[in-house]
Amino acid sequence: MRTVQMTLDDDLVTAVDRVAKQMGTTRSAFTRKALRAAIEKAHVAGLERRHREGYKRKPVKPEEFGDWQSEQVWVEP
């Protein structure tokens, strides 16, 4: 593990410290978890963007999934 120096607004540090204390964790552990979540969110957003771009380049044809229509089960609530 490495130690890094960051510059943060005072109000952000106060909020992080408050939430970390409520969660029973440290500022560093809270920040690591938040950074991992942000990285995962960015990764998922990238995958979704690529997915959309792929369908823009090659849209679904009306009959493409027709064979599966009879396999679907629609349950009324």
PDB file of N, CA and C in Angstrom:
ATOM      1  N   MET A   1       0.847  -1.158   0.000  1.00  0.00           N
ATOM      2  CA  MET A   1       0.000   0.000   0.000  1.00  0.00           C
ATOM      3  C   MET A   1       0.900   1.231   0.000  1.00  0.00           C
ATOM      4  N   ARG A   2       0.452   2.259  -0.724  1.00  0.00           N
ATOM      5  CA  ARG A   2       1.221   3.502  -0.807  1.00  0.00           C
ATOM      6  C   ARG A   2       0.495   4.626  -0.095  1.00  0.00           C
ATOM      7  N   THR A   3       1.259   5.554   0.393  1.00  0.00           N
ATOM      8  CA  THR A   3       0.707   6.770   0.975  1.00  0.00           C
ATOM      9  C   THR A   3       0.743   7.839  -0.105  1.00  0.00           C
ATOM     10  N   VAL A   4      -0.401   8.507  -0.309  1.00  0.00           N
ATOM     11  CA  VAL A   4      -0.467   9.574  -1.305  1.00  0.00           C
ATOM     12  C   VAL A   4      -0.967  10.844  -0.636  1.00  0.00           C
ATOM     13  N   GLN A   5      -0.564  11.972  -1.184  1.00  0.00           N
ATOM     14  CA  GLN A   5      -1.000  13.248  -0.657  1.00  0.00           C
ATOM     15  C   GLN A   5      -2.056  13.797  -1.595  1.00  0.00           C
ATOM     16  N   MET A   6      -3.158  14.271  -1.017  1.00  0.00           N
ATOM     17  CA  MET A   6      -4.249  14.831  -1.808  1.00  0.00           C
ATOM     18  C   MET A   6      -4.652  16.168  -1.222  1.00  0.00           C
ATOM     19  N   THR A   7      -5.175  17.045  -2.067  1.00  0.00           N
ATOM     20  CA  THR A   7      -5.697  18.319  -1.609  1.00  0.00           C
ATOM     21  C   THR A   7      -7.217  18.254  -1.706  1.00  0.00           C
ATOM     22  N   LEU A   8      -7.880  18.449  -0.575  1.00  0.00           N
ATOM     23  CA  LEU A   8      -9.340  18.373  -0.519  1.00  0.00           C
ATOM     24  C   LEU A   8      -9.884  19.617   0.167  1.00  0.00           C
ATOM     25  N   ASP A   9     -11.092  20.001  -0.205  1.00  0.00           N
ATOM     26  CA  ASP A   9     -11.759  21.112   0.467  1.00  0.00           C
ATOM     27  C   ASP A   9     -12.018  20.739   1.916  1.00  0.00           C
ATOM     28  N   ASP A  10     -11.951  21.734   2.787  1.00  0.00           N
ATOM     29  CA  ASP A  10     -12.162  21.502   4.220  1.00  0.00           C
ATOM     30  C   ASP A  10     -13.527  20.861   4.496  1.00  0.00           C
ATOM     31  N   ASP A  11     -14.566  21.351   3.810  1.00  0.00           N
ATOM     32  CA  ASP A  11     -15.901  20.799   4.061  1.00  0.00           C
ATOM     33  C   ASP A  11     -16.004  19.350   3.621  1.00  0.00           C
ATOM     34  N   LEU A  12     -15.259  18.970   2.582  1.00  0.00           N
ATOM     35  CA  LEU A  12     -15.260  17.569   2.142  1.00  0.00           C
ATOM     36  C   LEU A  12     -14.569  16.685   3.172  1.00  0.00           C
ATOM     37  N   VAL A  13     -13.452  17.139   3.702  1.00  0.00           N
ATOM     38  CA  VAL A  13     -12.742  16.371   4.738  1.00  0.00           C
ATOM     39  C   VAL A  13     -13.632  16.205   5.970  1.00  0.00           C
ATOM     40  N   THR A  14     -14.323  17.261   6.351  1.00  0.00           N
ATOM     41  CA  THR A  14     -15.232  17.196   7.500  1.00  0.00           C
ATOM     42  C   THR A  14     -16.335  16.174   7.258  1.00  0.00           C
ATOM     43  N   ALA A  15     -16.908  16.204   6.069  1.00  0.00           N
ATOM     44  CA  ALA A  15     -17.982  15.252   5.736  1.00  0.00           C
ATOM     45  C   ALA A  15     -17.463  13.819   5.712  1.00  0.00           C
ATOM     46  N   VAL A  16     -16.293  13.618   5.135  1.00  0.00           N
ATOM     47  CA  VAL A  16     -15.701  12.270   5.084  1.00  0.00           C
ATOM     48  C   VAL A  16     -15.427  11.778   6.497  1.00  0.00           C
ATOM     49  N   ASP A  17     -14.848  12.608   7.318  1.00  0.00           N
ATOM     50  CA  ASP A  17     -14.560  12.204   8.699  1.00  0.00           C
ATOM     51  C   ASP A  17     -15.837  11.841   9.452  1.00  0.00           C
ATOM     52  N   ARG A  18     -16.889  12.636   9.259  1.00  0.00           N
ATOM     53  CA  ARG A  18     -18.157  12.370   9.943  1.00  0.00           C
ATOM     54  C   ARG A  18     -18.739  11.022   9.494  1.00  0.00           C
ATOM     55  N   VAL A  19     -18.780  10.799   8.196  1.00  0.00           N
ATOM     56  CA  VAL A  19     -19.357   9.550   7.676  1.00  0.00           C
ATOM     57  C   VAL A  19     -18.482   8.354   8.046  1.00  0.00           C
ATOM     58  N   ALA A  20     -17.180   8.508   7.959  1.00  0.00           N
ATOM     59  CA  ALA A  20     -16.281   7.412   8.318  1.00  0.00           C
ATOM     60  C   ALA A  20     -16.477   7.019   9.777  1.00  0.00           C
ATOM     61  N   LYS A  21     -16.628   8.025  10.641  1.00  0.00           N
ATOM     62  CA  LYS A  21     -16.855   7.747  12.065  1.00  0.00           C
ATOM     63  C   LYS A  21     -18.173   6.995  12.258  1.00  0.00           C
ATOM     64  N   GLN A  22     -19.224   7.443  11.569  1.00  0.00           N
ATOM     65  CA  GLN A  22     -20.529   6.772  11.668  1.00  0.00           C
ATOM     66  C   GLN A  22     -20.436   5.317  11.197  1.00  0.00           C
ATOM     67  N   MET A  23     -19.598   5.086  10.193  1.00  0.00           N
ATOM     68  CA  MET A  23     -19.443   3.730   9.650  1.00  0.00           C
ATOM     69  C   MET A  23     -18.454   2.895  10.461  1.00  0.00           C
ATOM     70  N   GLY A  24     -17.793   3.519  11.407  1.00  0.00           N
ATOM     71  CA  GLY A  24     -16.819   2.796  12.224  1.00  0.00           C
ATOM     72  C   GLY A  24     -15.566   2.433  11.457  1.00  0.00           C
ATOM     73  N   THR A  25     -15.153   3.330  10.575  1.00  0.00           N
ATOM     74  CA  THR A  25     -13.971   3.064   9.769  1.00  0.00           C
ATOM     75  C   THR A  25     -13.067   4.294   9.796  1.00  0.00           C
ATOM     76  N   THR A  26     -11.996   4.239   9.082  1.00  0.00           N
ATOM     77  CA  THR A  26     -11.054   5.354   9.035  1.00  0.00           C
ATOM     78  C   THR A  26     -11.275   6.189   7.779  1.00  0.00           C
ATOM     79  N   ARG A  27     -10.712   7.374   7.788  1.00  0.00           N
ATOM     80  CA  ARG A  27     -10.771   8.234   6.610  1.00  0.00           C
ATOM     81  C   ARG A  27     -10.150   7.516   5.408  1.00  0.00           C
ATOM     82  N   SER A  28      -9.019   6.878   5.619  1.00  0.00           N
ATOM     83  CA  SER A  28      -8.337   6.193   4.518  1.00  0.00           C
ATOM     84  C   SER A  28      -9.164   5.041   3.977  1.00  0.00           C
ATOM     85  N   ALA A  29      -9.718   4.220   4.864  1.00  0.00           N
ATOM     86  CA  ALA A  29     -10.522   3.075   4.420  1.00  0.00           C
ATOM     87  C   ALA A  29     -11.771   3.556   3.678  1.00  0.00           C
ATOM     88  N   PHE A  30     -12.409   4.595   4.213  1.00  0.00           N
ATOM     89  CA  PHE A  30     -13.588   5.152   3.554  1.00  0.00           C
ATOM     90  C   PHE A  30     -13.236   5.657   2.160  1.00  0.00           C
ATOM     91  N   THR A  31     -12.112   6.371   2.065  1.00  0.00           N
ATOM     92  CA  THR A  31     -11.692   6.936   0.786  1.00  0.00           C
ATOM     93  C   THR A  31     -11.338   5.845  -0.214  1.00  0.00           C
ATOM     94  N   ARG A  32     -10.647   4.796   0.251  1.00  0.00           N
ATOM     95  CA  ARG A  32     -10.325   3.683  -0.647  1.00  0.00           C
ATOM     96  C   ARG A  32     -11.598   3.066  -1.211  1.00  0.00           C
ATOM     97  N   LYS A  33     -12.585   2.854  -0.330  1.00  0.00           N
ATOM     98  CA  LYS A  33     -13.848   2.253  -0.766  1.00  0.00           C
ATOM     99  C   LYS A  33     -14.564   3.167  -1.763  1.00  0.00           C
ATOM    100  N   ALA A  34     -14.573   4.464  -1.490  1.00  0.00           N
ATOM    101  CA  ALA A  34     -15.232   5.423  -2.383  1.00  0.00           C
ATOM    102  C   ALA A  34     -14.536   5.473  -3.746  1.00  0.00           C
ATOM    103  N   LEU A  35     -13.218   5.450  -3.737  1.00  0.00           N
ATOM    104  CA  LEU A  35     -12.472   5.470  -4.999  1.00  0.00           C
ATOM    105  C   LEU A  35     -12.719   4.196  -5.807  1.00  0.00           C
ATOM    106  N   ARG A  36     -12.739   3.055  -5.130  1.00  0.00           N
ATOM    107  CA  ARG A  36     -13.036   1.790  -5.838  1.00  0.00           C
ATOM    108  C   ARG A  36     -14.437   1.819  -6.452  1.00  0.00           C
ATOM    109  N   ALA A  37     -15.404   2.357  -5.702  1.00  0.00           N
ATOM    110  CA  ALA A  37     -16.776   2.451  -6.212  1.00  0.00           C
ATOM    111  C   ALA A  37     -16.833   3.382  -7.421  1.00  0.00           C
ATOM    112  N   ALA A  38     -16.103   4.483  -7.378  1.00  0.00           N
ATOM    113  CA  ALA A  38     -16.086   5.423  -8.498  1.00  0.00           C
ATOM    114  C   ALA A  38     -15.435   4.798  -9.727  1.00  0.00           C
ATOM    115  N   ILE A  39     -14.376   4.037  -9.519  1.00  0.00           N
ATOM    116  CA  ILE A  39     -13.703   3.355 -10.627  1.00  0.00           C
ATOM    117  C   ILE A  39     -14.632   2.318 -11.242  1.00  0.00           C
ATOM    118  N   GLU A  40     -15.331   1.563 -10.421  1.00  0.00           N
ATOM    119  CA  GLU A  40     -16.282   0.561 -10.917  1.00  0.00           C
ATOM    120  C   GLU A  40     -17.413   1.237 -11.689  1.00  0.00           C
ATOM    121  N   LYS A  41     -17.912   2.343 -11.170  1.00  0.00           N
ATOM    122  CA  LYS A  41     -18.984   3.080 -11.845  1.00  0.00           C
ATOM    123  C   LYS A  41     -18.510   3.557 -13.217  1.00  0.00           C
ATOM    124  N   ALA A  42     -17.290   4.073 -13.293  1.00  0.00           N
ATOM    125  CA  ALA A  42     -16.731   4.531 -14.569  1.00  0.00           C
ATOM    126  C   ALA A  42     -16.570   3.364 -15.535  1.00  0.00           C
ATOM    127  N   HIS A  43     -16.158   2.215 -15.025  1.00  0.00           N
ATOM    128  CA  HIS A  43     -16.005   1.017 -15.854  1.00  0.00           C
ATOM    129  C   HIS A  43     -17.349   0.585 -16.439  1.00  0.00           C
ATOM    130  N   VAL A  44     -18.365   0.526 -15.592  1.00  0.00           N
ATOM    131  CA  VAL A  44     -19.710   0.135 -16.048  1.00  0.00           C
ATOM    132  C   VAL A  44     -20.237   1.141 -17.064  1.00  0.00           C
ATOM    133  N   ALA A  45     -20.028   2.427 -16.811  1.00  0.00           N
ATOM    134  CA  ALA A  45     -20.473   3.460 -17.754  1.00  0.00           C
ATOM    135  C   ALA A  45     -19.789   3.283 -19.108  1.00  0.00           C
ATOM    136  N   GLY A  46     -18.525   2.929 -19.091  1.00  0.00           N
ATOM    137  CA  GLY A  46     -17.803   2.676 -20.342  1.00  0.00           C
ATOM    138  C   GLY A  46     -18.358   1.483 -21.091  1.00  0.00           C
ATOM    139  N   LEU A  47     -18.656   0.410 -20.353  1.00  0.00           N
ATOM    140  CA  LEU A  47     -19.254  -0.772 -20.991  1.00  0.00           C
ATOM    141  C   LEU A  47     -20.620  -0.439 -21.578  1.00  0.00           C
ATOM    142  N   GLU A  48     -21.423   0.328 -20.857  1.00  0.00           N
ATOM    143  CA  GLU A  48     -22.745   0.716 -21.356  1.00  0.00           C
ATOM    144  C   GLU A  48     -22.635   1.599 -22.589  1.00  0.00           C
ATOM    145  N   ARG A  49     -21.656   2.499 -22.584  1.00  0.00           N
ATOM    146  CA  ARG A  49     -21.436   3.355 -23.756  1.00  0.00           C
ATOM    147  C   ARG A  49     -21.068   2.514 -24.970  1.00  0.00           C
ATOM    148  N   ARG A  50     -20.160   1.552 -24.781  1.00  0.00           N
ATOM    149  CA  ARG A  50     -19.766   0.669 -25.886  1.00  0.00           C
ATOM    150  C   ARG A  50     -20.947  -0.155 -26.372  1.00  0.00           C
ATOM    151  N   HIS A  51     -21.784  -0.589 -25.456  1.00  0.00           N
ATOM    152  CA  HIS A  51     -22.977  -1.365 -25.798  1.00  0.00           C
ATOM    153  C   HIS A  51     -23.897  -0.520 -26.690  1.00  0.00           C
ATOM    154  N   ARG A  52     -24.176   0.718 -26.262  1.00  0.00           N
ATOM    155  CA  ARG A  52     -25.032   1.615 -27.051  1.00  0.00           C
ATOM    156  C   ARG A  52     -24.439   1.888 -28.425  1.00  0.00           C
ATOM    157  N   GLU A  53     -23.135   2.154 -28.458  1.00  0.00           N
ATOM    158  CA  GLU A  53     -22.473   2.438 -29.734  1.00  0.00           C
ATOM    159  C   GLU A  53     -22.553   1.242 -30.672  1.00  0.00           C
ATOM    160  N   GLY A  54     -22.423   0.048 -30.118  1.00  0.00           N
ATOM    161  CA  GLY A  54     -22.525  -1.167 -30.932  1.00  0.00           C
ATOM    162  C   GLY A  54     -23.901  -1.308 -31.557  1.00  0.00           C
ATOM    163  N   TYR A  55     -24.942  -1.026 -30.784  1.00  0.00           N
ATOM    164  CA  TYR A  55     -26.303  -1.118 -31.329  1.00  0.00           C
ATOM    165  C   TYR A  55     -26.595   0.018 -32.297  1.00  0.00           C
ATOM    166  N   LYS A  56     -25.923   1.168 -32.145  1.00  0.00           N
ATOM    167  CA  LYS A  56     -26.086   2.237 -33.135  1.00  0.00           C
ATOM    168  C   LYS A  56     -25.454   1.839 -34.458  1.00  0.00           C
ATOM    169  N   ARG A  57     -24.290   1.170 -34.372  1.00  0.00           N
ATOM    170  CA  ARG A  57     -23.613   0.726 -35.596  1.00  0.00           C
ATOM    171  C   ARG A  57     -24.357  -0.423 -36.261  1.00  0.00           C
ATOM    172  N   LYS A  58     -24.913  -1.306 -35.446  1.00  0.00           N
ATOM    173  CA  LYS A  58     -25.603  -2.480 -35.980  1.00  0.00           C
ATOM    174  C   LYS A  58     -26.901  -2.669 -35.197  1.00  0.00           C
ATOM    175  N   PRO A  59     -27.960  -1.940 -35.591  1.00  0.00           N
ATOM    176  CA  PRO A  59     -29.231  -2.023 -34.867  1.00  0.00           C
ATOM    177  C   PRO A  59     -29.854  -3.421 -34.947  1.00  0.00           C
ATOM    178  N   VAL A  60     -30.678  -3.717 -33.975  1.00  0.00           N
ATOM    179  CA  VAL A  60     -31.389  -4.998 -33.954  1.00  0.00           C
ATOM    180  C   VAL A  60     -32.417  -4.993 -35.082  1.00  0.00           C
ATOM    181  N   LYS A  61     -32.471  -6.087 -35.816  1.00  0.00           N
ATOM    182  CA  LYS A  61     -33.467  -6.232 -36.879  1.00  0.00           C
ATOM    183  C   LYS A  61     -34.764  -6.717 -36.246  1.00  0.00           C
ATOM    184  N   PRO A  62     -35.905  -6.322 -36.800  1.00  0.00           N
ATOM    185  CA  PRO A  62     -37.192  -6.708 -36.209  1.00  0.00           C
ATOM    186  C   PRO A  62     -37.335  -8.219 -35.978  1.00  0.00           C
ATOM    187  N   GLU A  63     -36.816  -9.025 -36.862  1.00  0.00           N
ATOM    188  CA  GLU A  63     -36.975 -10.483 -36.735  1.00  0.00           C
ATOM    189  C   GLU A  63     -35.838 -11.158 -35.967  1.00  0.00           C
ATOM    190  N   GLU A  64     -34.862 -10.388 -35.527  1.00  0.00           N
ATOM    191  CA  GLU A  64     -33.667 -10.958 -34.916  1.00  0.00           C
ATOM    192  C   GLU A  64     -33.970 -11.818 -33.693  1.00  0.00           C
ATOM    193  N   PHE A  65     -34.906 -11.411 -32.867  1.00  0.00           N
ATOM    194  CA  PHE A  65     -35.226 -12.168 -31.662  1.00  0.00           C
ATOM    195  C   PHE A  65     -36.613 -12.800 -31.738  1.00  0.00           C
ATOM    196  N   GLY A  66     -37.193 -12.838 -32.904  1.00  0.00           N
ATOM    197  CA  GLY A  66     -38.541 -13.374 -33.094  1.00  0.00           C
ATOM    198  C   GLY A  66     -38.694 -14.813 -32.640  1.00  0.00           C
ATOM    199  N   ASP A  67     -37.661 -15.632 -32.816  1.00  0.00           N
ATOM    200  CA  ASP A  67     -37.739 -17.049 -32.425  1.00  0.00           C
ATOM    201  C   ASP A  67     -37.960 -17.212 -30.926  1.00  0.00           C
ATOM    202  N   TRP A  68     -37.585 -16.235 -30.150  1.00  0.00           N
ATOM    203  CA  TRP A  68     -37.702 -16.322 -28.700  1.00  0.00           C
ATOM    204  C   TRP A  68     -39.032 -15.786 -28.180  1.00  0.00           C
ATOM    205  N   GLN A  69     -39.819 -15.158 -29.049  1.00  0.00           N
ATOM    206  CA  GLN A  69     -41.072 -14.550 -28.616  1.00  0.00           C
ATOM    207  C   GLN A  69     -41.993 -15.562 -27.944  1.00  0.00           C
ATOM    208  N   SER A  70     -42.081 -16.767 -28.491  1.00  0.00           N
ATOM    209  CA  SER A  70     -42.968 -17.785 -27.917  1.00  0.00           C
ATOM    210  C   SER A  70     -42.439 -18.340 -26.601  1.00  0.00           C
ATOM    211  N   GLU A  71     -41.167 -18.120 -26.302  1.00  0.00           N
ATOM    212  CA  GLU A  71     -40.559 -18.623 -25.068  1.00  0.00           C
ATOM    213  C   GLU A  71     -40.788 -17.692 -23.885  1.00  0.00           C
ATOM    214  N   GLN A  72     -41.180 -16.465 -24.163  1.00  0.00           N
ATOM    215  CA  GLN A  72     -41.377 -15.495 -23.089  1.00  0.00           C
ATOM    216  C   GLN A  72     -42.648 -15.805 -22.319  1.00  0.00           C
ATOM    217  N   VAL A  73     -42.560 -15.642 -21.031  1.00  0.00           N
ATOM    218  CA  VAL A  73     -43.716 -15.841 -20.172  1.00  0.00           C
ATOM    219  C   VAL A  73     -44.033 -14.504 -19.510  1.00  0.00           C
ATOM    220  N   TRP A  74     -45.213 -13.985 -19.744  1.00  0.00           N
ATOM    221  CA  TRP A  74     -45.640 -12.728 -19.147  1.00  0.00           C
ATOM    222  C   TRP A  74     -46.583 -13.017 -18.021  1.00  0.00           C
ATOM    223  N   VAL A  75     -46.188 -12.663 -16.834  1.00  0.00           N
ATOM    224  CA  VAL A  75     -47.001 -12.919 -15.654  1.00  0.00           C
ATOM    225  C   VAL A  75     -47.657 -11.612 -15.231  1.00  0.00           C
ATOM    226  N   GLU A  76     -48.978 -11.654 -15.073  1.00  0.00           N
ATOM    227  CA  GLU A  76     -49.694 -10.475 -14.604  1.00  0.00           C
ATOM    228  C   GLU A  76     -49.571 -10.383 -13.096  1.00  0.00           C
ATOM    229  N   PRO A  77     -49.290  -9.189 -12.578  1.00  0.00           N
ATOM    230  CA  PRO A  77     -49.124  -9.036 -11.120  1.00  0.00           C
ATOM    231  C   PRO A  77     -50.437  -9.165 -10.377  1.00  0.00           C
TER     232      PRO A  77
END
